[in-house]
Amino acid sequence: MRLLLDTHTLLWWLEENPSLPRSARKLIANKSNDVLVSAASAWEIATKVRLGKLPIAIDLAHDFSAYLARERFETLAVSAEHGIRAGLLPGPHKDPFDRMLIAQALAENLTIVSNDVVFDGYGVKRAW
C-alpha cells in the first residue's frame, strides 16, 4: 500500500503522540507499505513554525529531509499536475495544504493517513 501522511499524522508519528491510533501506527510501521510525505507538509510546518503556531516543530522545519530519511519516508514533490489539480478542485474547502494533499493522493493513487474527514468528500482513500 502507498500511504501519504497528513501533516498532523507525521507530527504525531514523530512525537509518538497517543492521538495517533494504533491502526494508523500499524500501517505506517508496516515495512511493506511505502510511506510518503508531501513537500506541501514541509511548507505547512515551516509556515506554522515561522508564525509561532508550531514551536515544537522547529527542529523538524530546519532538518525535514533528515527526519524523513531516519523514518525511511519518501518525499513527494509537488508537480505542475498536482498544482493544477489542487487549484481546480471543486468545493468550499480553502486550506491550500489539504487541497494539495487531495490532489496528490488522487493523481498518485495514494491512501491518505489522516483523521480529517474533509478528504472523504473528494473521493480520496483515507485510512485512520
Protein backbone atom coordinates (compact mmCIF):
# COMPACT_ATOMS: atom_id res chain seq x y z
CA MET A 1 0.00 0.00 0.00
CA ARG A 2 1.19 3.52 -0.77
CA LEU A 3 0.46 5.95 2.02
CA LEU A 4 0.50 9.75 2.12
CA LEU A 5 0.77 11.15 5.63
CA ASP A 6 -1.27 14.19 6.53
CA THR A 7 0.82 16.80 8.32
CA HIS A 8 -0.68 16.12 11.75
CA THR A 9 -0.13 12.40 11.22
CA LEU A 10 3.56 12.98 10.53
CA LEU A 11 3.90 15.17 13.62
CA TRP A 12 2.08 12.69 15.85
CA TRP A 13 4.19 9.81 14.49
CA LEU A 14 7.45 11.65 15.17
CA GLU A 15 6.48 12.70 18.69
CA GLU A 16 4.86 9.34 19.46
CA ASN A 17 1.66 11.16 20.32
CA PRO A 18 -1.08 8.87 21.69
CA SER A 19 -3.61 10.73 19.50
CA LEU A 20 -2.33 8.65 16.59
CA PRO A 21 -4.43 5.48 16.74
CA ARG A 22 -2.91 2.02 16.76
CA SER A 23 -4.42 1.25 13.34
CA ALA A 24 -2.57 4.20 11.77
CA ARG A 25 0.65 3.29 13.59
CA LYS A 26 0.48 -0.25 12.23
CA LEU A 27 0.04 1.00 8.66
CA ILE A 28 2.97 3.40 8.94
CA ALA A 29 5.23 0.86 10.65
CA ASN A 30 4.45 -1.90 8.15
CA LYS A 31 7.64 -2.25 6.08
CA SER A 32 5.67 -3.47 3.05
CA ASN A 33 3.93 -0.07 2.80
CA ASP A 34 5.52 2.90 1.06
CA VAL A 35 5.16 5.98 3.26
CA LEU A 36 5.26 9.35 1.53
CA VAL A 37 5.24 12.86 2.93
CA SER A 38 4.32 15.76 0.69
CA ALA A 39 6.55 18.76 0.14
CA ALA A 40 3.36 20.65 0.99
CA SER A 41 3.65 19.31 4.56
CA ALA A 42 7.18 20.72 4.77
CA TRP A 43 5.79 24.06 3.61
CA GLU A 44 2.92 23.89 6.13
CA ILE A 45 5.22 23.01 9.04
CA ALA A 46 7.75 25.73 8.17
CA THR A 47 4.97 28.31 7.79
CA LYS A 48 3.44 27.44 11.15
CA VAL A 49 6.86 27.47 12.83
CA ARG A 50 7.54 30.93 11.37
CA LEU A 51 4.18 32.20 12.61
CA GLY A 52 4.80 30.80 16.10
CA LYS A 53 1.89 28.34 15.80
CA LEU A 54 4.04 25.20 15.92
CA PRO A 55 7.06 25.79 18.16
CA ILE A 56 7.53 22.07 18.84
CA ALA A 57 8.47 21.54 15.19
CA ILE A 58 11.39 23.99 14.93
CA ASP A 59 13.97 21.21 14.56
CA LEU A 60 11.79 19.39 12.06
CA ALA A 61 11.40 22.55 9.96
CA HIS A 62 15.14 23.05 9.85
CA ASP A 63 16.09 19.43 9.08
CA PHE A 64 12.99 17.99 7.41
CA SER A 65 14.81 15.69 4.99
CA ALA A 66 16.90 14.11 7.75
CA TYR A 67 13.81 13.34 9.82
CA LEU A 68 12.14 11.67 6.83
CA ALA A 69 15.28 9.71 5.97
CA ARG A 70 15.56 8.46 9.55
CA GLU A 71 12.00 7.12 9.34
CA ARG A 72 12.54 5.79 5.80
CA PHE A 73 9.74 8.01 4.49
CA GLU A 74 9.85 9.31 0.94
CA THR A 75 9.34 12.93 -0.03
CA LEU A 76 6.59 13.53 -2.57
CA ALA A 77 7.45 16.59 -4.65
CA VAL A 78 4.76 18.95 -5.86
CA SER A 79 4.46 18.76 -9.63
CA ALA A 80 2.72 21.08 -12.07
CA GLU A 81 -0.01 18.44 -12.46
CA HIS A 82 -0.53 18.41 -8.69
CA GLY A 83 -0.75 22.21 -8.67
CA ILE A 84 -3.33 22.29 -11.46
CA ARG A 85 -5.41 19.56 -9.82
CA ALA A 86 -5.31 21.31 -6.44
CA GLY A 87 -6.28 24.62 -7.99
CA LEU A 88 -9.18 23.15 -9.93
CA LEU A 89 -10.63 21.08 -7.08
CA PRO A 90 -14.29 21.94 -6.54
CA GLY A 91 -15.86 22.79 -3.24
CA PRO A 92 -15.54 25.34 -0.50
CA HIS A 93 -12.57 23.83 1.35
CA LYS A 94 -9.98 26.61 1.38
CA ASP A 95 -6.96 25.04 3.13
CA PRO A 96 -4.25 25.06 0.43
CA PHE A 97 -2.25 22.32 2.16
CA ASP A 98 -5.23 19.95 2.31
CA ARG A 99 -6.13 20.74 -1.29
CA MET A 100 -2.60 19.81 -2.37
CA LEU A 101 -2.71 16.54 -0.41
CA ILE A 102 -6.04 15.71 -2.03
CA ALA A 103 -4.66 16.43 -5.50
CA GLN A 104 -1.53 14.38 -4.87
CA ALA A 105 -3.47 11.44 -3.44
CA LEU A 106 -5.78 11.40 -6.45
CA ALA A 107 -3.01 11.82 -9.02
CA GLU A 108 -0.69 9.23 -7.47
CA ASN A 109 -3.36 6.77 -6.22
CA LEU A 110 -2.33 7.15 -2.58
CA THR A 111 -4.18 6.47 0.65
CA ILE A 112 -4.10 9.46 2.99
CA VAL A 113 -3.46 8.63 6.63
CA SER A 114 -5.49 11.30 8.43
CA ASN A 115 -8.25 11.89 10.93
CA ASP A 116 -9.62 14.71 8.77
CA VAL A 117 -12.93 13.64 7.21
CA VAL A 118 -12.80 16.52 4.71
CA PHE A 119 -10.80 14.20 2.44
CA ASP A 120 -13.73 11.80 2.18
CA GLY A 121 -15.78 14.33 0.20
CA TYR A 122 -13.16 14.34 -2.54
CA GLY A 123 -13.09 10.61 -3.23
CA VAL A 124 -9.70 10.15 -1.64
CA LYS A 125 -8.90 6.83 0.02
CA ARG A 126 -8.35 7.57 3.70
CA ALA A 127 -7.07 5.35 6.50
CA TRP A 128 -7.19 6.02 10.20
